[in-house]
Amino acid sequence: KCSVLLAKDFVHNAFTVILNAETSNSRSLYVE
């Protein structure tokens, strides 16, 4: 039930993509 980091630019911080754990066994995608 954890949120995990799928991909991130660790040099220029151009993007971050996280798979978030939500309530009721669903997930959301966080894109920055």
All heavy atoms as atom14 arrays in JSON, in Angstrom:
{
  "sequence": "KCSVLLAKDFVHNAFTVILNAETSNSRSLYVE",
  "atom14_mask": [
    [1, 1, 1, 1, 1, 1, 1, 1, 1, 0, 0, 0, 0, 0],
    [1, 1, 1, 1, 1, 1, 0, 0, 0, 0, 0, 0, 0, 0],
    [1, 1, 1, 1, 1, 1, 0, 0, 0, 0, 0, 0, 0, 0],
    [1, 1, 1, 1, 1, 1, 1, 0, 0, 0, 0, 0, 0, 0],
    [1, 1, 1, 1, 1, 1, 1, 1, 0, 0, 0, 0, 0, 0],
    [1, 1, 1, 1, 1, 1, 1, 1, 0, 0, 0, 0, 0, 0],
    [1, 1, 1, 1, 1, 0, 0, 0, 0, 0, 0, 0, 0, 0],
    [1, 1, 1, 1, 1, 1, 1, 1, 1, 0, 0, 0, 0, 0],
    [1, 1, 1, 1, 1, 1, 1, 1, 0, 0, 0, 0, 0, 0],
    [1, 1, 1, 1, 1, 1, 1, 1, 1, 1, 1, 0, 0, 0],
    [1, 1, 1, 1, 1, 1, 1, 0, 0, 0, 0, 0, 0, 0],
    [1, 1, 1, 1, 1, 1, 1, 1, 1, 1, 0, 0, 0, 0],
    [1, 1, 1, 1, 1, 1, 1, 1, 0, 0, 0, 0, 0, 0],
    [1, 1, 1, 1, 1, 0, 0, 0, 0, 0, 0, 0, 0, 0],
    [1, 1, 1, 1, 1, 1, 1, 1, 1, 1, 1, 0, 0, 0],
    [1, 1, 1, 1, 1, 1, 1, 0, 0, 0, 0, 0, 0, 0],
    [1, 1, 1, 1, 1, 1, 1, 0, 0, 0, 0, 0, 0, 0],
    [1, 1, 1, 1, 1, 1, 1, 1, 0, 0, 0, 0, 0, 0],
    [1, 1, 1, 1, 1, 1, 1, 1, 0, 0, 0, 0, 0, 0],
    [1, 1, 1, 1, 1, 1, 1, 1, 0, 0, 0, 0, 0, 0],
    [1, 1, 1, 1, 1, 0, 0, 0, 0, 0, 0, 0, 0, 0],
    [1, 1, 1, 1, 1, 1, 1, 1, 1, 0, 0, 0, 0, 0],
    [1, 1, 1, 1, 1, 1, 1, 0, 0, 0, 0, 0, 0, 0],
    [1, 1, 1, 1, 1, 1, 0, 0, 0, 0, 0, 0, 0, 0],
    [1, 1, 1, 1, 1, 1, 1, 1, 0, 0, 0, 0, 0, 0],
    [1, 1, 1, 1, 1, 1, 0, 0, 0, 0, 0, 0, 0, 0],
    [1, 1, 1, 1, 1, 1, 1, 1, 1, 1, 1, 0, 0, 0],
    [1, 1, 1, 1, 1, 1, 0, 0, 0, 0, 0, 0, 0, 0],
    [1, 1, 1, 1, 1, 1, 1, 1, 0, 0, 0, 0, 0, 0],
    [1, 1, 1, 1, 1, 1, 1, 1, 1, 1, 1, 1, 0, 0],
    [1, 1, 1, 1, 1, 1, 1, 0, 0, 0, 0, 0, 0, 0],
    [1, 1, 1, 1, 1, 1, 1, 1, 1, 0, 0, 0, 0, 0]
  ],
  "atom14_positions": [
    [[0.84, -1.21, 0.0], [0.0, 0.0, 0.0], [0.87, 1.25, 0.0], [0.48, 2.28, 0.51], [-0.9, 0.02, 1.24], [-1.74, -1.22, 1.41], [-2.82, -1.27, 0.38], [-3.72, -2.46, 0.64], [-4.45, -2.88, -0.52], [0.0, 0.0, 0.0], [0.0, 0.0, 0.0], [0.0, 0.0, 0.0], [0.0, 0.0, 0.0], [0.0, 0.0, 0.0]],
    [[2.04, 1.17, -0.58], [2.99, 2.28, -0.52], [3.03, 3.04, -1.84], [2.8, 2.48, -2.9], [4.38, 1.75, -0.23], [4.47, 0.77, 1.28], [0.0, 0.0, 0.0], [0.0, 0.0, 0.0], [0.0, 0.0, 0.0], [0.0, 0.0, 0.0], [0.0, 0.0, 0.0], [0.0, 0.0, 0.0], [0.0, 0.0, 0.0], [0.0, 0.0, 0.0]],
    [[3.39, 4.31, -1.76], [3.65, 5.09, -2.95], [5.11, 4.89, -3.33], [5.98, 4.82, -2.46], [3.38, 6.57, -2.68], [2.02, 6.76, -2.39], [0.0, 0.0, 0.0], [0.0, 0.0, 0.0], [0.0, 0.0, 0.0], [0.0, 0.0, 0.0], [0.0, 0.0, 0.0], [0.0, 0.0, 0.0], [0.0, 0.0, 0.0], [0.0, 0.0, 0.0]],
    [[5.37, 4.79, -4.64], [6.73, 4.51, -5.09], [7.13, 5.49, -6.19], [6.3, 5.94, -6.98], [6.87, 3.06, -5.61], [6.78, 2.07, -4.47], [5.85, 2.75, -6.68], [0.0, 0.0, 0.0], [0.0, 0.0, 0.0], [0.0, 0.0, 0.0], [0.0, 0.0, 0.0], [0.0, 0.0, 0.0], [0.0, 0.0, 0.0], [0.0, 0.0, 0.0]],
    [[8.42, 5.8, -6.24], [8.97, 6.66, -7.26], [9.23, 5.83, -8.52], [10.02, 4.89, -8.49], [10.28, 7.29, -6.78], [10.96, 8.22, -7.77], [10.16, 9.5, -7.92], [12.38, 8.53, -7.32], [0.0, 0.0, 0.0], [0.0, 0.0, 0.0], [0.0, 0.0, 0.0], [0.0, 0.0, 0.0], [0.0, 0.0, 0.0], [0.0, 0.0, 0.0]],
    [[8.53, 6.16, -9.59], [8.72, 5.44, -10.85], [9.92, 5.99, -11.62], [10.74, 5.23, -12.12], [7.46, 5.53, -11.72], [6.21, 4.89, -11.12], [5.03, 5.08, -12.06], [6.43, 3.42, -10.82], [0.0, 0.0, 0.0], [0.0, 0.0, 0.0], [0.0, 0.0, 0.0], [0.0, 0.0, 0.0], [0.0, 0.0, 0.0], [0.0, 0.0, 0.0]],
    [[10.01, 7.31, -11.73], [11.12, 7.93, -12.45], [11.28, 9.37, -12.0], [10.3, 10.05, -11.73], [10.88, 7.86, -13.95], [0.0, 0.0, 0.0], [0.0, 0.0, 0.0], [0.0, 0.0, 0.0], [0.0, 0.0, 0.0], [0.0, 0.0, 0.0], [0.0, 0.0, 0.0], [0.0, 0.0, 0.0], [0.0, 0.0, 0.0], [0.0, 0.0, 0.0]],
    [[12.54, 9.82, -11.96], [12.83, 11.21, -11.58], [14.15, 11.61, -12.21], [15.08, 10.81, -12.28], [12.92, 11.33, -10.06], [13.27, 12.74, -9.58], [13.28, 12.81, -8.06], [13.74, 14.16, -7.55], [12.91, 15.27, -7.95], [0.0, 0.0, 0.0], [0.0, 0.0, 0.0], [0.0, 0.0, 0.0], [0.0, 0.0, 0.0], [0.0, 0.0, 0.0]],
    [[14.19, 12.83, -12.68], [15.43, 13.42, -13.17], [16.18, 13.94, -11.94], [15.76, 14.93, -11.34], [15.11, 14.56, -14.15], [16.34, 15.33, -14.61], [17.43, 15.15, -14.04], [16.2, 16.12, -15.54], [0.0, 0.0, 0.0], [0.0, 0.0, 0.0], [0.0, 0.0, 0.0], [0.0, 0.0, 0.0], [0.0, 0.0, 0.0], [0.0, 0.0, 0.0]],
    [[17.28, 13.29, -11.57], [18.0, 13.65, -10.36], [19.06, 14.72, -10.59], [19.67, 15.18, -9.64], [18.64, 12.41, -9.73], [17.65, 11.55, -8.99], [17.06, 10.46, -9.62], [17.28, 11.85, -7.69], [16.14, 9.68, -8.94], [16.37, 11.07, -7.01], [15.79, 9.98, -7.64], [0.0, 0.0, 0.0], [0.0, 0.0, 0.0], [0.0, 0.0, 0.0]],
    [[19.27, 15.14, -11.84], [20.27, 16.16, -12.13], [19.63, 17.53, -12.33], [19.99, 18.5, -11.69], [21.12, 15.76, -13.35], [22.1, 16.87, -13.71], [21.88, 14.46, -13.07], [0.0, 0.0, 0.0], [0.0, 0.0, 0.0], [0.0, 0.0, 0.0], [0.0, 0.0, 0.0], [0.0, 0.0, 0.0], [0.0, 0.0, 0.0], [0.0, 0.0, 0.0]],
    [[18.65, 17.61, -13.24], [18.02, 18.89, -13.56], [16.63, 19.05, -12.96], [16.01, 20.09, -13.12], [17.91, 19.06, -15.08], [19.22, 18.87, -15.79], [20.29, 19.71, -15.62], [19.62, 17.91, -16.66], [21.3, 19.28, -16.35], [20.92, 18.19, -16.99], [0.0, 0.0, 0.0], [0.0, 0.0, 0.0], [0.0, 0.0, 0.0], [0.0, 0.0, 0.0]],
    [[16.13, 18.01, -12.32], [14.8, 18.02, -11.71], [13.72, 18.42, -12.73], [12.8, 19.17, -12.43], [14.76, 18.94, -10.5], [13.61, 18.61, -9.57], [13.11, 17.48, -9.55], [13.16, 19.57, -8.79], [0.0, 0.0, 0.0], [0.0, 0.0, 0.0], [0.0, 0.0, 0.0], [0.0, 0.0, 0.0], [0.0, 0.0, 0.0], [0.0, 0.0, 0.0]],
    [[13.83, 17.89, -13.95], [12.9, 18.24, -15.02], [11.56, 17.54, -14.87], [10.56, 18.01, -15.39], [13.5, 17.89, -16.39], [0.0, 0.0, 0.0], [0.0, 0.0, 0.0], [0.0, 0.0, 0.0], [0.0, 0.0, 0.0], [0.0, 0.0, 0.0], [0.0, 0.0, 0.0], [0.0, 0.0, 0.0], [0.0, 0.0, 0.0], [0.0, 0.0, 0.0]],
    [[11.54, 16.41, -14.15], [10.28, 15.67, -14.0], [10.37, 14.71, -12.83], [11.45, 14.31, -12.41], [9.95, 14.89, -15.29], [10.87, 13.71, -15.5], [10.53, 12.45, -15.05], [12.08, 13.88, -16.15], [11.39, 11.38, -15.24], [12.94, 12.82, -16.35], [12.59, 11.56, -15.9], [0.0, 0.0, 0.0], [0.0, 0.0, 0.0], [0.0, 0.0, 0.0]],
    [[9.2, 14.36, -12.32], [9.04, 13.32, -11.3], [7.75, 12.59, -11.6], [6.73, 13.22, -11.88], [8.97, 13.93, -9.88], [10.14, 14.7, -9.64], [8.83, 12.85, -8.81], [0.0, 0.0, 0.0], [0.0, 0.0, 0.0], [0.0, 0.0, 0.0], [0.0, 0.0, 0.0], [0.0, 0.0, 0.0], [0.0, 0.0, 0.0], [0.0, 0.0, 0.0]],
    [[7.79, 11.26, -11.54], [6.58, 10.45, -11.73], [6.49, 9.49, -10.56], [7.4, 8.69, -10.33], [6.6, 9.66, -13.06], [5.32, 8.86, -13.23], [6.81, 10.59, -14.25], [0.0, 0.0, 0.0], [0.0, 0.0, 0.0], [0.0, 0.0, 0.0], [0.0, 0.0, 0.0], [0.0, 0.0, 0.0], [0.0, 0.0, 0.0], [0.0, 0.0, 0.0]],
    [[5.38, 9.59, -9.8], [5.18, 8.76, -8.62], [3.86, 8.0, -8.76], [2.86, 8.58, -9.18], [5.16, 9.61, -7.33], [6.51, 10.27, -7.11], [4.75, 8.78, -6.11], [6.55, 11.26, -5.96], [0.0, 0.0, 0.0], [0.0, 0.0, 0.0], [0.0, 0.0, 0.0], [0.0, 0.0, 0.0], [0.0, 0.0, 0.0], [0.0, 0.0, 0.0]],
    [[3.89, 6.72, -8.42], [2.66, 5.93, -8.35], [2.2, 5.97, -6.89], [2.85, 5.43, -6.01], [2.92, 4.49, -8.8], [1.71, 3.57, -8.83], [0.7, 4.04, -9.88], [2.14, 2.14, -9.14], [0.0, 0.0, 0.0], [0.0, 0.0, 0.0], [0.0, 0.0, 0.0], [0.0, 0.0, 0.0], [0.0, 0.0, 0.0], [0.0, 0.0, 0.0]],
    [[1.09, 6.67, -6.66], [0.59, 6.87, -5.29], [-0.4, 5.8, -4.9], [-1.27, 5.43, -5.7], [-0.11, 8.23, -5.17], [0.86, 9.35, -4.9], [1.85, 9.17, -4.22], [0.57, 10.5, -5.47], [0.0, 0.0, 0.0], [0.0, 0.0, 0.0], [0.0, 0.0, 0.0], [0.0, 0.0, 0.0], [0.0, 0.0, 0.0], [0.0, 0.0, 0.0]],
    [[-0.3, 5.33, -3.68], [-1.3, 4.44, -3.12], [-2.42, 5.3, -2.57], [-2.18, 6.26, -1.86], [-0.7, 3.59, -2.02], [0.0, 0.0, 0.0], [0.0, 0.0, 0.0], [0.0, 0.0, 0.0], [0.0, 0.0, 0.0], [0.0, 0.0, 0.0], [0.0, 0.0, 0.0], [0.0, 0.0, 0.0], [0.0, 0.0, 0.0], [0.0, 0.0, 0.0]],
    [[-3.64, 4.99, -2.95], [-4.81, 5.73, -2.47], [-5.63, 4.8, -1.58], [-5.36, 3.62, -1.47], [-5.65, 6.22, -3.65], [-4.93, 7.12, -4.62], [-4.63, 8.49, -4.06], [-5.32, 8.91, -3.11], [-3.72, 9.15, -4.57], [0.0, 0.0, 0.0], [0.0, 0.0, 0.0], [0.0, 0.0, 0.0], [0.0, 0.0, 0.0], [0.0, 0.0, 0.0]],
    [[-6.66, 5.35, -0.97], [-7.56, 4.51, -0.2], [-8.38, 3.65, -1.14], [-8.43, 3.88, -2.33], [-8.49, 5.38, 0.67], [-9.18, 6.28, -0.2], [-7.71, 6.17, 1.7], [0.0, 0.0, 0.0], [0.0, 0.0, 0.0], [0.0, 0.0, 0.0], [0.0, 0.0, 0.0], [0.0, 0.0, 0.0], [0.0, 0.0, 0.0], [0.0, 0.0, 0.0]],
    [[-9.03, 2.67, -0.63], [-9.89, 1.72, -1.36], [-9.12, 0.99, -2.47], [-9.64, 0.74, -3.55], [-11.14, 2.41, -1.93], [-10.78, 3.28, -2.99], [0.0, 0.0, 0.0], [0.0, 0.0, 0.0], [0.0, 0.0, 0.0], [0.0, 0.0, 0.0], [0.0, 0.0, 0.0], [0.0, 0.0, 0.0], [0.0, 0.0, 0.0], [0.0, 0.0, 0.0]],
    [[-7.86, 0.62, -2.16], [-7.05, -0.21, -3.05], [-6.91, 0.33, -4.47], [-6.84, -0.44, -5.42], [-7.6, -1.64, -3.09], [-7.45, -2.34, -1.77], [-6.5, -2.07, -1.04], [-8.37, -3.21, -1.45], [0.0, 0.0, 0.0], [0.0, 0.0, 0.0], [0.0, 0.0, 0.0], [0.0, 0.0, 0.0], [0.0, 0.0, 0.0], [0.0, 0.0, 0.0]],
    [[-6.91, 1.63, -4.63], [-6.69, 2.2, -5.96], [-5.38, 2.97, -5.94], [-4.79, 3.2, -4.9], [-7.85, 3.1, -6.36], [-7.89, 4.24, -5.55], [0.0, 0.0, 0.0], [0.0, 0.0, 0.0], [0.0, 0.0, 0.0], [0.0, 0.0, 0.0], [0.0, 0.0, 0.0], [0.0, 0.0, 0.0], [0.0, 0.0, 0.0], [0.0, 0.0, 0.0]],
    [[-4.93, 3.34, -7.11], [-3.68, 4.08, -7.23], [-3.89, 5.3, -8.11], [-4.78, 5.34, -8.94], [-2.59, 3.19, -7.83], [-2.2, 2.04, -6.92], [-0.95, 1.37, -7.43], [-0.53, 0.28, -6.6], [0.32, 0.39, -5.58], [0.81, 1.56, -5.26], [0.67, -0.65, -4.87], [0.0, 0.0, 0.0], [0.0, 0.0, 0.0], [0.0, 0.0, 0.0]],
    [[-3.05, 6.29, -7.91], [-3.06, 7.47, -8.78], [-1.65, 7.72, -9.26], [-0.68, 7.23, -8.67], [-3.6, 8.69, -8.03], [-2.71, 9.08, -7.01], [0.0, 0.0, 0.0], [0.0, 0.0, 0.0], [0.0, 0.0, 0.0], [0.0, 0.0, 0.0], [0.0, 0.0, 0.0], [0.0, 0.0, 0.0], [0.0, 0.0, 0.0], [0.0, 0.0, 0.0]],
    [[-1.55, 8.48, -10.32], [-0.25, 8.81, -10.88], [0.0, 10.29, -10.64], [-0.82, 11.13, -10.99], [-0.26, 8.5, -12.38], [1.08, 8.27, -13.05], [1.8, 7.1, -12.38], [0.88, 7.98, -14.52], [0.0, 0.0, 0.0], [0.0, 0.0, 0.0], [0.0, 0.0, 0.0], [0.0, 0.0, 0.0], [0.0, 0.0, 0.0], [0.0, 0.0, 0.0]],
    [[1.13, 10.61, -10.02], [1.54, 11.98, -9.71], [2.64, 12.34, -10.7], [3.69, 11.68, -10.75], [2.05, 12.02, -8.27], [2.75, 13.29, -7.84], [2.06, 14.26, -7.14], [4.1, 13.49, -8.1], [2.72, 15.42, -6.71], [4.76, 14.63, -7.69], [4.06, 15.59, -6.99], [4.7, 16.73, -6.57], [0.0, 0.0, 0.0], [0.0, 0.0, 0.0]],
    [[2.4, 13.36, -11.51], [3.38, 13.79, -12.51], [3.73, 15.24, -12.23], [2.85, 16.09, -12.19], [2.82, 13.65, -13.94], [3.85, 14.06, -14.96], [2.32, 12.24, -14.19], [0.0, 0.0, 0.0], [0.0, 0.0, 0.0], [0.0, 0.0, 0.0], [0.0, 0.0, 0.0], [0.0, 0.0, 0.0], [0.0, 0.0, 0.0], [0.0, 0.0, 0.0]],
    [[5.01, 15.53, -12.02], [5.47, 16.89, -11.76], [6.42, 17.32, -12.87], [7.39, 16.62, -13.17], [6.18, 16.95, -10.42], [6.68, 18.32, -10.05], [7.46, 18.32, -8.74], [7.1, 17.55, -7.83], [8.43, 19.08, -8.66], [0.0, 0.0, 0.0], [0.0, 0.0, 0.0], [0.0, 0.0, 0.0], [0.0, 0.0, 0.0], [0.0, 0.0, 0.0]]
  ]
}
